[in-house]
Every structure is written in C-alpha cells, then in structure tokens.
Amino acid sequence: MASKRLFWGIVELIEASINSGDYPAGSRLPPERELASRFNVSRPTIREAIIALEVRGRVEVKTSSGVYVLASSNSAQSLQKINAFEVTQARALVEGEVAALAAAFITEQELQELGQTLVDMEEGKSIEAADKTFHRIIANATRNEAMKNLVYSLWDLRASSIEVIKDYDSVCSKDNKKTIAEHRAIYNALKLGNANKARTAMHEHFDRLINTLFDAEEARALEEIKKRSSEKRDLYSIKR
C-alpha cells in the first residue's frame, strides 16, 4: 500500500513537470537512474510511475530509445475525470453480462483455475492478484474477444488516476471474507451453468463494492467536517 502511494506521488511530480512545460511534447524524459536520484526513490518505483504515465497516455516508452512525452489529448484528460464509482458501475454492467455468457462456455479446467483463486484468497496469498485472475478467467471463458478487451480495459481504469487508485485502496483491503463469499457464489453459478444466477451474483458483488465506496466517502466527509469544526473552535476559543 505504501509503495503504491509512493509511485503515485512520483507520477504527480513528473506530470506536473510535463504540464508546466519542463518536458514538452516530443521531448525525452531523463534516464531512470537520474529520475530515481532526483526524487530520492528506487528505480523500480520510477518504473512503476512510468508505467502509470504510459497508461494515462502521457508518455510513450520506446525500447532502446527512452521515454518520450506525448502531446496532451482529450482522452488523457477525460481519463483523469473518471471516478471510482463510474469504473465500478461500468464493471458491474459489463461483468454481469460477461458472467452470464461465460456460464455457457466455461470449461472444467477454467473452473479449477477459478477454484484455485478462491483458495489463494482464503489463504491470504496475493489477494489482489487472485482477485484480478478470477475476473480475467471469467472474461476469457466468454470466448468473445470484445468482452475480454472490455474487462481488461476496465481493470486498467483502476490505475487511470490517483483518485481512483486511492478510493480502491481504501475499500479493497476490507471485508475479504465477504469478497470470497461473493466470488464463491459466482463460481457456484458458473459451475451450474446458470446464466441468470451468475449475472445476479456478479451484480451483488459490485453492488457491495459501490456501497463500500460510498461509506468510505461519507467517512472522509465527516472527518473533514470534524477537522474544520475543530479549527473554528480553536480560532474562537477564549482560552486560545
């Protein structure tokens, strides 16, 4: 969690330099080693930041040449406006139908692989990776390349902005038992080949996630109100 916050901080700094004109479109960013020294972080952290900038459409990595700044585009700006609620709603709608379609085509081998992700999550092994694998297996089971690309793209949107990644970080580490139970309900529906149950189970999974995001947002808003109230109390206190 801390490493994610660290590399997103580097993304913000590099992006600010791009926006201010320090690195105009077409220019090459300094080498990885120089950036690591400048920001006092490890080279792997710089690599993660560059990958995030590439996903956001701010830079292009050219093998054996370097990292080049791209001209800002409307698509890059629109990515930054997408919030976690929109991503989750889109995933719910798309992956609900993906699960329904997968129910007709999923193989025994894929069901075994799905089952293994449940075991990994129960044992606390790379929970985030197991979660991603679970949804990708279901997408692959549709035998529909467009569906697969949609699911993969929506996963990429989770890393499209600092705000989205922070929101997901604040909720995805909670209620792991509920996540496992929801995944198991989806798995059972797929094993039965029941499209309606698979769709419903997937919708219920994302519905809880959306509600958890709202709970986290309300908690942050309440904390901000308390902070401002405390500041005002200190300002007007006679004992100050």
Protein backbone atom coordinates (compact mmCIF):
# COMPACT_ATOMS: atom_id res chain seq x y z
CA MET A 1 0.00 0.00 0.00
CA ALA A 2 2.82 2.41 0.92
CA SER A 3 4.71 1.65 -2.31
CA LYS A 4 1.60 2.47 -4.33
CA ARG A 5 1.29 5.86 -2.65
CA LEU A 6 4.99 6.46 -3.26
CA PHE A 7 4.96 5.84 -7.01
CA TRP A 8 1.72 7.83 -7.44
CA GLY A 9 3.50 10.75 -5.79
CA ILE A 10 6.23 10.46 -8.43
CA VAL A 11 3.55 10.32 -11.15
CA GLU A 12 2.16 13.61 -9.84
CA LEU A 13 5.58 15.27 -9.82
CA ILE A 14 6.52 14.15 -13.34
CA GLU A 15 3.09 15.05 -14.68
CA ALA A 16 3.33 18.49 -13.10
CA SER A 17 6.68 18.98 -14.86
CA ILE A 18 5.10 17.93 -18.16
CA ASN A 19 2.15 20.30 -17.67
CA SER A 20 4.43 23.20 -16.76
CA GLY A 21 6.43 22.76 -19.97
CA ASP A 22 9.63 21.43 -18.41
CA TYR A 23 9.19 18.36 -20.62
CA PRO A 24 7.32 19.46 -23.77
CA ALA A 25 5.60 17.03 -26.15
CA GLY A 26 8.18 15.03 -28.11
CA SER A 27 10.95 15.51 -25.55
CA ARG A 28 12.59 12.62 -23.78
CA LEU A 29 12.39 12.20 -20.02
CA PRO A 30 15.68 11.90 -18.12
CA PRO A 31 17.03 8.35 -17.69
CA GLU A 32 15.55 6.12 -14.99
CA ARG A 33 18.70 6.39 -12.88
CA GLU A 34 18.62 10.20 -12.97
CA LEU A 35 14.93 10.35 -12.05
CA ALA A 36 15.50 7.94 -9.15
CA SER A 37 18.29 10.17 -7.84
CA ARG A 38 16.29 13.37 -8.34
CA PHE A 39 13.22 12.09 -6.45
CA ASN A 40 15.25 10.02 -3.96
CA VAL A 41 13.39 6.79 -4.69
CA SER A 42 14.32 3.36 -6.07
CA ARG A 43 14.49 2.62 -9.78
CA PRO A 44 11.59 0.10 -9.52
CA THR A 45 9.45 2.94 -8.14
CA ILE A 46 10.36 5.08 -11.15
CA ARG A 47 9.47 2.14 -13.42
CA GLU A 48 6.03 1.85 -11.83
CA ALA A 49 5.49 5.60 -12.24
CA ILE A 50 6.44 5.43 -15.94
CA ILE A 51 4.01 2.54 -16.49
CA ALA A 52 1.23 4.57 -14.85
CA LEU A 53 2.08 7.60 -17.02
CA GLU A 54 2.00 5.37 -20.10
CA VAL A 55 -1.45 4.00 -19.14
CA ARG A 56 -2.66 7.58 -18.73
CA GLY A 57 -1.41 8.47 -22.20
CA ARG A 58 1.20 10.98 -21.04
CA VAL A 59 4.33 9.19 -22.25
CA GLU A 60 5.42 6.56 -24.73
CA VAL A 61 8.15 4.04 -23.92
CA LYS A 62 10.36 3.27 -26.91
CA THR A 63 12.58 0.22 -26.47
CA SER A 64 16.31 1.02 -26.52
CA SER A 65 15.49 4.70 -27.03
CA GLY A 66 13.81 6.12 -23.94
CA VAL A 67 10.58 7.57 -22.57
CA TYR A 68 9.02 10.31 -24.68
CA VAL A 69 6.35 12.84 -23.70
CA LEU A 70 3.14 12.69 -25.72
CA ALA A 71 1.00 15.65 -26.68
CA SER A 72 -1.86 16.04 -24.22
CA SER A 73 -5.14 14.73 -25.59
CA ASN A 74 -8.79 14.92 -24.70
CA SER A 75 -8.74 11.18 -23.98
CA ALA A 76 -5.95 11.59 -21.42
CA GLN A 77 -7.84 14.47 -19.78
CA SER A 78 -11.10 12.51 -19.73
CA LEU A 79 -9.35 9.57 -18.05
CA GLN A 80 -8.41 11.87 -15.18
CA LYS A 81 -12.10 12.81 -14.72
CA ILE A 82 -13.26 9.21 -14.30
CA ASN A 83 -14.04 8.33 -10.69
CA ALA A 84 -14.17 5.02 -8.82
CA PHE A 85 -17.98 4.98 -8.79
CA GLU A 86 -18.12 5.21 -12.59
CA VAL A 87 -15.50 2.49 -13.00
CA THR A 88 -17.35 0.20 -10.60
CA GLN A 89 -20.75 0.79 -12.20
CA ALA A 90 -19.30 0.08 -15.64
CA ARG A 91 -17.64 -3.08 -14.36
CA ALA A 92 -20.90 -4.24 -12.78
CA LEU A 93 -22.86 -3.80 -16.01
CA VAL A 94 -20.20 -5.34 -18.27
CA GLU A 95 -19.06 -8.16 -15.98
CA GLY A 96 -22.62 -9.14 -15.13
CA GLU A 97 -23.22 -9.97 -18.79
CA VAL A 98 -19.74 -11.47 -19.07
CA ALA A 99 -20.55 -13.89 -16.23
CA ALA A 100 -23.89 -14.80 -17.86
CA LEU A 101 -22.17 -15.54 -21.17
CA ALA A 102 -19.32 -17.43 -19.51
CA ALA A 103 -21.83 -19.75 -17.82
CA ALA A 104 -22.48 -21.35 -21.20
CA PHE A 105 -18.86 -21.85 -22.25
CA ILE A 106 -16.66 -22.17 -19.16
CA THR A 107 -14.58 -25.39 -19.09
CA GLU A 108 -13.71 -27.72 -16.24
CA GLN A 109 -10.12 -26.52 -16.45
CA GLU A 110 -11.23 -22.90 -16.06
CA LEU A 111 -13.49 -23.84 -13.15
CA GLN A 112 -10.50 -25.48 -11.46
CA GLU A 113 -8.46 -22.32 -12.01
CA LEU A 114 -11.30 -20.22 -10.56
CA GLY A 115 -11.43 -22.52 -7.56
CA GLN A 116 -7.70 -22.05 -7.01
CA THR A 117 -8.13 -18.26 -6.83
CA LEU A 118 -10.66 -18.83 -4.03
CA VAL A 119 -8.15 -20.99 -2.18
CA ASP A 120 -5.42 -18.36 -2.65
CA MET A 121 -7.70 -15.63 -1.28
CA GLU A 122 -8.72 -17.75 1.69
CA GLU A 123 -5.05 -18.41 2.49
CA GLY A 124 -4.17 -14.73 2.03
CA LYS A 125 -1.87 -15.39 -0.94
CA SER A 126 -1.59 -12.36 -3.24
CA ILE A 127 -5.23 -11.44 -2.71
CA GLU A 128 -5.24 -8.61 -5.24
CA ALA A 129 -3.62 -10.79 -7.92
CA ALA A 130 -6.06 -13.65 -7.20
CA ASP A 131 -8.99 -11.23 -7.48
CA LYS A 132 -7.79 -9.98 -10.86
CA THR A 133 -7.15 -13.52 -12.11
CA PHE A 134 -10.67 -14.57 -11.04
CA HIS A 135 -12.31 -11.87 -13.18
CA ARG A 136 -9.96 -12.45 -16.12
CA ILE A 137 -10.68 -16.19 -16.21
CA ILE A 138 -14.40 -15.45 -16.43
CA ALA A 139 -13.80 -12.91 -19.22
CA ASN A 140 -11.69 -15.45 -21.14
CA ALA A 141 -14.45 -18.05 -20.72
CA THR A 142 -16.85 -15.95 -22.83
CA ARG A 143 -14.81 -16.82 -25.97
CA ASN A 144 -15.56 -13.24 -27.03
CA GLU A 145 -12.53 -11.04 -27.70
CA ALA A 146 -14.53 -7.81 -27.43
CA MET A 147 -15.81 -8.82 -23.98
CA LYS A 148 -12.29 -9.75 -22.88
CA ASN A 149 -10.92 -6.40 -24.03
CA LEU A 150 -13.70 -4.55 -22.22
CA VAL A 151 -12.95 -6.31 -18.94
CA TYR A 152 -9.19 -5.80 -19.31
CA SER A 153 -9.69 -2.10 -20.16
CA LEU A 154 -11.91 -1.57 -17.13
CA TRP A 155 -9.21 -3.13 -14.93
CA ASP A 156 -6.71 -0.67 -16.44
CA LEU A 157 -9.04 2.20 -15.50
CA ARG A 158 -8.44 1.29 -11.86
CA ALA A 159 -4.98 2.77 -12.42
CA SER A 160 -6.15 5.70 -14.56
CA SER A 161 -5.92 8.35 -11.84
CA ILE A 162 -4.57 8.85 -8.36
CA GLU A 163 -8.08 9.43 -7.03
CA VAL A 164 -9.40 6.11 -8.38
CA ILE A 165 -6.47 4.09 -7.03
CA LYS A 166 -6.79 5.74 -3.61
CA ASP A 167 -10.52 5.02 -3.47
CA TYR A 168 -9.99 1.38 -4.41
CA ASP A 169 -7.11 1.04 -1.93
CA SER A 170 -9.38 2.36 0.82
CA VAL A 171 -12.01 -0.36 0.33
CA CYS A 172 -10.45 -3.38 -1.41
CA SER A 173 -8.42 -4.41 1.62
CA LYS A 174 -11.59 -4.57 3.74
CA ASP A 175 -14.18 -7.35 4.07
CA ASN A 176 -12.03 -10.00 2.41
CA LYS A 177 -14.37 -12.69 3.78
CA LYS A 178 -17.30 -11.05 2.02
CA THR A 179 -15.34 -10.83 -1.23
CA ILE A 180 -14.51 -14.53 -1.03
CA ALA A 181 -18.16 -15.40 -0.32
CA GLU A 182 -19.28 -13.34 -3.32
CA HIS A 183 -16.65 -14.92 -5.56
CA ARG A 184 -17.78 -18.34 -4.40
CA ALA A 185 -21.40 -17.52 -5.27
CA ILE A 186 -20.29 -16.52 -8.77
CA TYR A 187 -18.18 -19.68 -9.04
CA ASN A 188 -21.11 -21.89 -7.96
CA ALA A 189 -23.43 -20.28 -10.50
CA LEU A 190 -20.86 -20.80 -13.27
CA LYS A 191 -20.35 -24.41 -12.21
CA LEU A 192 -24.09 -24.95 -12.54
CA GLY A 193 -24.05 -23.25 -15.94
CA ASN A 194 -26.79 -20.92 -14.71
CA ALA A 195 -26.52 -17.60 -16.58
CA ASN A 196 -29.13 -15.74 -14.51
CA LYS A 197 -27.56 -16.74 -11.20
CA ALA A 198 -24.08 -15.84 -12.49
CA ARG A 199 -25.27 -12.39 -13.57
CA THR A 200 -27.07 -11.77 -10.26
CA ALA A 201 -24.11 -12.94 -8.18
CA MET A 202 -21.76 -10.65 -10.10
CA HIS A 203 -24.14 -7.69 -9.69
CA GLU A 204 -24.37 -8.34 -5.93
CA HIS A 205 -20.57 -8.43 -5.72
CA PHE A 206 -20.22 -4.99 -7.30
CA ASP A 207 -23.24 -3.56 -5.50
CA ARG A 208 -21.49 -4.14 -2.18
CA LEU A 209 -18.30 -2.57 -3.54
CA ILE A 210 -20.20 0.55 -4.63
CA ASN A 211 -21.85 0.82 -1.20
CA THR A 212 -18.47 0.38 0.49
CA LEU A 213 -17.07 3.20 -1.66
CA PHE A 214 -19.97 5.42 -0.54
CA ASP A 215 -19.33 4.51 3.11
CA ALA A 216 -15.66 5.45 2.73
CA GLU A 217 -16.54 8.75 1.05
CA GLU A 218 -19.04 9.61 3.79
CA ALA A 219 -16.45 8.79 6.46
CA ARG A 220 -13.91 11.10 4.77
CA ALA A 221 -16.51 13.88 4.50
CA LEU A 222 -17.42 13.50 8.18
CA GLU A 223 -13.76 13.60 9.17
CA GLU A 224 -13.29 16.79 7.14
CA ILE A 225 -16.29 18.40 8.86
CA LYS A 226 -14.88 17.47 12.27
CA LYS A 227 -11.49 18.89 11.30
CA ARG A 228 -12.97 22.21 10.15
CA SER A 229 -15.15 22.40 13.25
CA SER A 230 -12.12 21.83 15.46
CA GLU A 231 -10.18 24.54 13.63
CA LYS A 232 -13.05 27.01 14.11
CA ARG A 233 -13.34 26.05 17.78
CA ASP A 234 -9.63 26.77 18.26
CA LEU A 235 -9.99 30.06 16.36
CA TYR A 236 -12.81 31.40 18.51
CA SER A 237 -11.90 29.83 21.83
CA ILE A 238 -11.42 32.40 24.59
CA LYS A 239 -8.74 30.18 26.15
CA ARG A 240 -6.64 30.20 22.98
